[in-house]
Amino acid sequence: MFGSTFFVVKQATDQNLPDTLLVAINKQGFNLIDPRTKDTLAQYSFMELNFWSSGNTYFHIKFGNMMGSTKLLLETKQGYKMDDLLTSYIRHFKTQGQRN
């Protein structure tokens, strides 16, 4: 997870995930990590991110493809920072793609 920005969040959306998670955002995408074991539980590339929004106490994200998607509602006071970081990465990659 070199180069990642980490966020501690709480979730109650997915019964298969721990209540508390680490979210790592880096140039590869959006990653869910178990804070106790440090195991990566899920990885999503930027191409798999369909939608996200944030507020004062939450970050909502939807990822997947045409075959199926997953939604997560995360409790955090840093949702706006997560939103801004994802937007910045995608804007950067779009700019890079237009140059090539």
N, C-alpha and C. Protein backbone atom coordinates (compact mmCIF):
# COMPACT_ATOMS: atom_id res chain seq x y z
N MET A 1 0.81 -1.19 0.00
CA MET A 1 0.00 0.00 0.00
C MET A 1 0.86 1.26 0.00
N PHE A 2 2.05 1.14 -0.55
CA PHE A 2 2.95 2.28 -0.62
C PHE A 2 2.27 3.44 -1.35
N GLY A 3 2.41 4.63 -0.81
CA GLY A 3 1.84 5.81 -1.46
C GLY A 3 0.37 6.02 -1.19
N SER A 4 -0.20 5.27 -0.27
CA SER A 4 -1.64 5.37 0.03
C SER A 4 -1.91 6.45 1.06
N THR A 5 -3.11 6.99 0.99
CA THR A 5 -3.66 7.81 2.06
C THR A 5 -4.69 6.94 2.75
N PHE A 6 -4.59 6.84 4.07
CA PHE A 6 -5.45 5.94 4.85
C PHE A 6 -6.51 6.72 5.62
N PHE A 7 -7.69 6.11 5.71
CA PHE A 7 -8.81 6.68 6.44
C PHE A 7 -9.43 5.58 7.30
N VAL A 8 -9.69 5.87 8.56
CA VAL A 8 -10.40 4.94 9.44
C VAL A 8 -11.88 5.25 9.31
N VAL A 9 -12.68 4.22 9.00
CA VAL A 9 -14.12 4.40 8.80
C VAL A 9 -14.89 3.31 9.53
N LYS A 10 -16.16 3.55 9.74
CA LYS A 10 -17.06 2.53 10.29
C LYS A 10 -18.09 2.22 9.21
N GLN A 11 -18.51 0.96 9.16
CA GLN A 11 -19.50 0.56 8.16
C GLN A 11 -20.47 -0.44 8.78
N ALA A 12 -21.69 -0.45 8.27
CA ALA A 12 -22.70 -1.43 8.70
C ALA A 12 -23.45 -1.96 7.49
N THR A 13 -22.95 -1.65 6.29
CA THR A 13 -23.62 -2.03 5.05
C THR A 13 -23.39 -3.49 4.69
N ASP A 14 -22.17 -3.97 4.83
CA ASP A 14 -21.78 -5.31 4.38
C ASP A 14 -21.46 -6.19 5.58
N GLN A 15 -22.27 -7.21 5.79
CA GLN A 15 -22.10 -8.13 6.93
C GLN A 15 -20.78 -8.91 6.86
N ASN A 16 -20.21 -9.02 5.66
CA ASN A 16 -18.97 -9.78 5.48
C ASN A 16 -17.72 -8.99 5.83
N LEU A 17 -17.87 -7.69 6.08
CA LEU A 17 -16.74 -6.84 6.41
C LEU A 17 -16.76 -6.46 7.89
N PRO A 18 -15.60 -6.19 8.47
CA PRO A 18 -15.57 -5.73 9.86
C PRO A 18 -16.30 -4.39 10.00
N ASP A 19 -16.76 -4.09 11.21
CA ASP A 19 -17.44 -2.82 11.45
C ASP A 19 -16.51 -1.63 11.24
N THR A 20 -15.25 -1.78 11.62
CA THR A 20 -14.26 -0.73 11.42
C THR A 20 -13.31 -1.19 10.32
N LEU A 21 -13.04 -0.28 9.38
CA LEU A 21 -12.18 -0.58 8.24
C LEU A 21 -11.14 0.52 8.07
N LEU A 22 -10.07 0.17 7.39
CA LEU A 22 -9.15 1.16 6.85
C LEU A 22 -9.44 1.25 5.37
N VAL A 23 -9.60 2.46 4.88
CA VAL A 23 -9.71 2.69 3.44
C VAL A 23 -8.37 3.25 3.00
N ALA A 24 -7.77 2.66 1.99
CA ALA A 24 -6.52 3.15 1.42
C ALA A 24 -6.81 3.60 -0.01
N ILE A 25 -6.52 4.85 -0.29
CA ILE A 25 -6.69 5.38 -1.64
C ILE A 25 -5.30 5.67 -2.18
N ASN A 26 -5.02 5.11 -3.36
CA ASN A 26 -3.71 5.32 -3.98
C ASN A 26 -3.87 5.32 -5.50
N LYS A 27 -2.77 5.34 -6.22
CA LYS A 27 -2.85 5.43 -7.68
C LYS A 27 -3.46 4.20 -8.33
N GLN A 28 -3.57 3.09 -7.58
CA GLN A 28 -4.23 1.89 -8.12
C GLN A 28 -5.73 1.93 -7.90
N GLY A 29 -6.21 2.70 -6.91
CA GLY A 29 -7.64 2.77 -6.68
C GLY A 29 -8.03 2.84 -5.22
N PHE A 30 -9.14 2.17 -4.91
CA PHE A 30 -9.81 2.22 -3.61
C PHE A 30 -9.68 0.85 -2.96
N ASN A 31 -9.13 0.79 -1.75
CA ASN A 31 -8.84 -0.48 -1.09
C ASN A 31 -9.47 -0.53 0.29
N LEU A 32 -10.03 -1.69 0.65
CA LEU A 32 -10.58 -1.91 1.98
C LEU A 32 -9.64 -2.85 2.72
N ILE A 33 -9.25 -2.45 3.93
CA ILE A 33 -8.25 -3.19 4.70
C ILE A 33 -8.79 -3.47 6.10
N ASP A 34 -8.52 -4.68 6.59
CA ASP A 34 -8.87 -5.02 7.96
C ASP A 34 -7.85 -4.34 8.88
N PRO A 35 -8.29 -3.46 9.78
CA PRO A 35 -7.33 -2.73 10.61
C PRO A 35 -6.57 -3.60 11.61
N ARG A 36 -7.11 -4.75 11.98
CA ARG A 36 -6.43 -5.62 12.93
C ARG A 36 -5.37 -6.47 12.26
N THR A 37 -5.72 -7.11 11.15
CA THR A 37 -4.80 -8.04 10.49
C THR A 37 -3.97 -7.37 9.40
N LYS A 38 -4.42 -6.21 8.95
CA LYS A 38 -3.80 -5.47 7.83
C LYS A 38 -3.97 -6.19 6.49
N ASP A 39 -4.87 -7.18 6.45
CA ASP A 39 -5.16 -7.88 5.19
C ASP A 39 -6.01 -6.99 4.29
N THR A 40 -5.72 -7.03 2.99
CA THR A 40 -6.55 -6.33 2.02
C THR A 40 -7.79 -7.17 1.78
N LEU A 41 -8.95 -6.60 2.05
CA LEU A 41 -10.22 -7.32 1.92
C LEU A 41 -10.84 -7.15 0.54
N ALA A 42 -10.61 -6.00 -0.07
CA ALA A 42 -11.15 -5.73 -1.41
C ALA A 42 -10.34 -4.62 -2.05
N GLN A 43 -10.19 -4.71 -3.37
CA GLN A 43 -9.50 -3.69 -4.15
C GLN A 43 -10.38 -3.33 -5.34
N TYR A 44 -10.51 -2.04 -5.60
CA TYR A 44 -11.31 -1.56 -6.72
C TYR A 44 -10.49 -0.54 -7.50
N SER A 45 -10.33 -0.79 -8.78
CA SER A 45 -9.63 0.18 -9.63
C SER A 45 -10.55 1.38 -9.86
N PHE A 46 -9.99 2.46 -10.36
CA PHE A 46 -10.80 3.64 -10.63
C PHE A 46 -11.88 3.36 -11.67
N MET A 47 -11.61 2.41 -12.56
CA MET A 47 -12.59 2.05 -13.59
C MET A 47 -13.82 1.38 -12.97
N GLU A 48 -13.67 0.80 -11.79
CA GLU A 48 -14.78 0.11 -11.13
C GLU A 48 -15.61 1.03 -10.23
N LEU A 49 -15.16 2.26 -10.03
CA LEU A 49 -15.89 3.20 -9.18
C LEU A 49 -16.98 3.87 -10.00
N ASN A 50 -18.23 3.63 -9.63
CA ASN A 50 -19.35 4.15 -10.39
C ASN A 50 -19.88 5.48 -9.86
N PHE A 51 -19.82 5.65 -8.54
CA PHE A 51 -20.47 6.80 -7.91
C PHE A 51 -19.90 6.95 -6.51
N TRP A 52 -19.77 8.18 -6.07
CA TRP A 52 -19.47 8.43 -4.67
C TRP A 52 -19.98 9.81 -4.29
N SER A 53 -20.25 9.96 -3.02
CA SER A 53 -20.68 11.25 -2.48
C SER A 53 -20.23 11.32 -1.03
N SER A 54 -20.19 12.53 -0.51
CA SER A 54 -19.74 12.69 0.86
C SER A 54 -20.54 13.79 1.55
N GLY A 55 -20.50 13.74 2.87
CA GLY A 55 -21.12 14.75 3.70
C GLY A 55 -20.30 14.93 4.95
N ASN A 56 -20.84 15.64 5.92
CA ASN A 56 -20.10 15.92 7.15
C ASN A 56 -19.75 14.67 7.94
N THR A 57 -20.57 13.63 7.84
CA THR A 57 -20.36 12.43 8.67
C THR A 57 -20.33 11.13 7.87
N TYR A 58 -20.28 11.21 6.54
CA TYR A 58 -20.35 9.97 5.77
C TYR A 58 -19.58 10.07 4.46
N PHE A 59 -19.32 8.89 3.90
CA PHE A 59 -18.82 8.73 2.54
C PHE A 59 -19.57 7.55 1.95
N HIS A 60 -20.24 7.76 0.83
CA HIS A 60 -21.04 6.74 0.17
C HIS A 60 -20.36 6.41 -1.15
N ILE A 61 -20.17 5.13 -1.44
CA ILE A 61 -19.50 4.73 -2.67
C ILE A 61 -20.19 3.51 -3.27
N LYS A 62 -20.22 3.47 -4.60
CA LYS A 62 -20.79 2.35 -5.34
C LYS A 62 -19.74 1.91 -6.35
N PHE A 63 -19.41 0.61 -6.34
CA PHE A 63 -18.44 0.09 -7.29
C PHE A 63 -18.93 -1.21 -7.89
N GLY A 64 -18.36 -1.53 -9.04
CA GLY A 64 -18.74 -2.76 -9.73
C GLY A 64 -18.74 -2.54 -11.23
N ASN A 65 -19.49 -3.43 -11.90
CA ASN A 65 -19.58 -3.36 -13.36
C ASN A 65 -21.00 -3.72 -13.78
N MET A 66 -21.17 -3.99 -15.05
CA MET A 66 -22.50 -4.31 -15.59
C MET A 66 -23.07 -5.59 -14.98
N MET A 67 -22.21 -6.48 -14.53
CA MET A 67 -22.65 -7.76 -13.98
C MET A 67 -23.14 -7.64 -12.54
N GLY A 68 -22.74 -6.60 -11.86
CA GLY A 68 -23.17 -6.41 -10.47
C GLY A 68 -22.41 -5.28 -9.82
N SER A 69 -23.01 -4.72 -8.81
CA SER A 69 -22.34 -3.62 -8.11
C SER A 69 -22.54 -3.76 -6.61
N THR A 70 -21.71 -3.06 -5.88
CA THR A 70 -21.74 -3.07 -4.42
C THR A 70 -21.80 -1.63 -3.94
N LYS A 71 -22.59 -1.39 -2.90
CA LYS A 71 -22.66 -0.07 -2.29
C LYS A 71 -22.15 -0.16 -0.87
N LEU A 72 -21.43 0.86 -0.46
CA LEU A 72 -20.97 0.95 0.93
C LEU A 72 -21.28 2.35 1.45
N LEU A 73 -21.84 2.41 2.62
CA LEU A 73 -22.03 3.68 3.31
C LEU A 73 -21.08 3.67 4.50
N LEU A 74 -20.14 4.59 4.49
CA LEU A 74 -19.09 4.63 5.50
C LEU A 74 -19.28 5.83 6.40
N GLU A 75 -19.15 5.60 7.69
CA GLU A 75 -19.26 6.69 8.66
C GLU A 75 -17.86 7.24 8.90
N THR A 76 -17.68 8.53 8.61
CA THR A 76 -16.39 9.19 8.77
C THR A 76 -16.59 10.69 8.74
N LYS A 77 -15.74 11.41 9.43
CA LYS A 77 -15.75 12.87 9.35
C LYS A 77 -14.80 13.35 8.26
N GLN A 78 -14.15 12.42 7.57
CA GLN A 78 -13.19 12.77 6.52
C GLN A 78 -13.72 12.43 5.12
N GLY A 79 -15.03 12.29 5.00
CA GLY A 79 -15.62 11.95 3.72
C GLY A 79 -15.26 12.92 2.61
N TYR A 80 -15.27 14.21 2.94
CA TYR A 80 -14.94 15.21 1.92
C TYR A 80 -13.50 15.07 1.44
N LYS A 81 -12.59 14.64 2.33
CA LYS A 81 -11.20 14.44 1.93
C LYS A 81 -11.07 13.22 1.01
N MET A 82 -11.82 12.17 1.31
CA MET A 82 -11.82 10.98 0.46
C MET A 82 -12.37 11.34 -0.92
N ASP A 83 -13.46 12.10 -0.94
CA ASP A 83 -14.09 12.55 -2.17
C ASP A 83 -13.10 13.35 -3.01
N ASP A 84 -12.44 14.31 -2.39
CA ASP A 84 -11.49 15.17 -3.09
C ASP A 84 -10.31 14.37 -3.63
N LEU A 85 -9.82 13.42 -2.86
CA LEU A 85 -8.68 12.61 -3.29
C LEU A 85 -9.03 11.74 -4.50
N LEU A 86 -10.19 11.07 -4.45
CA LEU A 86 -10.62 10.26 -5.60
C LEU A 86 -10.80 11.13 -6.84
N THR A 87 -11.45 12.28 -6.67
CA THR A 87 -11.67 13.19 -7.79
C THR A 87 -10.34 13.66 -8.38
N SER A 88 -9.37 13.96 -7.52
CA SER A 88 -8.06 14.41 -7.99
C SER A 88 -7.33 13.33 -8.77
N TYR A 89 -7.35 12.09 -8.28
CA TYR A 89 -6.72 10.99 -9.01
C TYR A 89 -7.36 10.81 -10.39
N ILE A 90 -8.67 10.79 -10.44
CA ILE A 90 -9.35 10.57 -11.71
C ILE A 90 -9.09 11.72 -12.68
N ARG A 91 -9.11 12.93 -12.19
CA ARG A 91 -8.82 14.09 -13.03
C ARG A 91 -7.40 13.98 -13.58
N HIS A 92 -6.45 13.57 -12.74
CA HIS A 92 -5.06 13.41 -13.16
C HIS A 92 -4.94 12.35 -14.27
N PHE A 93 -5.58 11.20 -14.07
CA PHE A 93 -5.49 10.13 -15.07
C PHE A 93 -6.17 10.51 -16.38
N LYS A 94 -7.26 11.25 -16.30
CA LYS A 94 -7.93 11.72 -17.53
C LYS A 94 -7.02 12.68 -18.28
N THR A 95 -6.35 13.57 -17.56
CA THR A 95 -5.42 14.52 -18.19
C THR A 95 -4.26 13.77 -18.83
N GLN A 96 -3.72 12.78 -18.13
CA GLN A 96 -2.62 11.97 -18.67
C GLN A 96 -3.06 11.23 -19.93
N GLY A 97 -4.27 10.69 -19.92
CA GLY A 97 -4.79 9.96 -21.07
C GLY A 97 -4.98 10.84 -22.29
N GLN A 98 -5.35 12.08 -22.07
CA GLN A 98 -5.56 13.01 -23.18
C GLN A 98 -4.24 13.44 -23.80
N ARG A 99 -3.17 13.39 -23.02
CA ARG A 99 -1.85 13.78 -23.53
C ARG A 99 -1.24 12.69 -24.40
N ASN A 100 -1.63 11.45 -24.16
CA ASN A 100 -1.02 10.32 -24.90
C ASN A 100 -1.69 10.08 -26.21
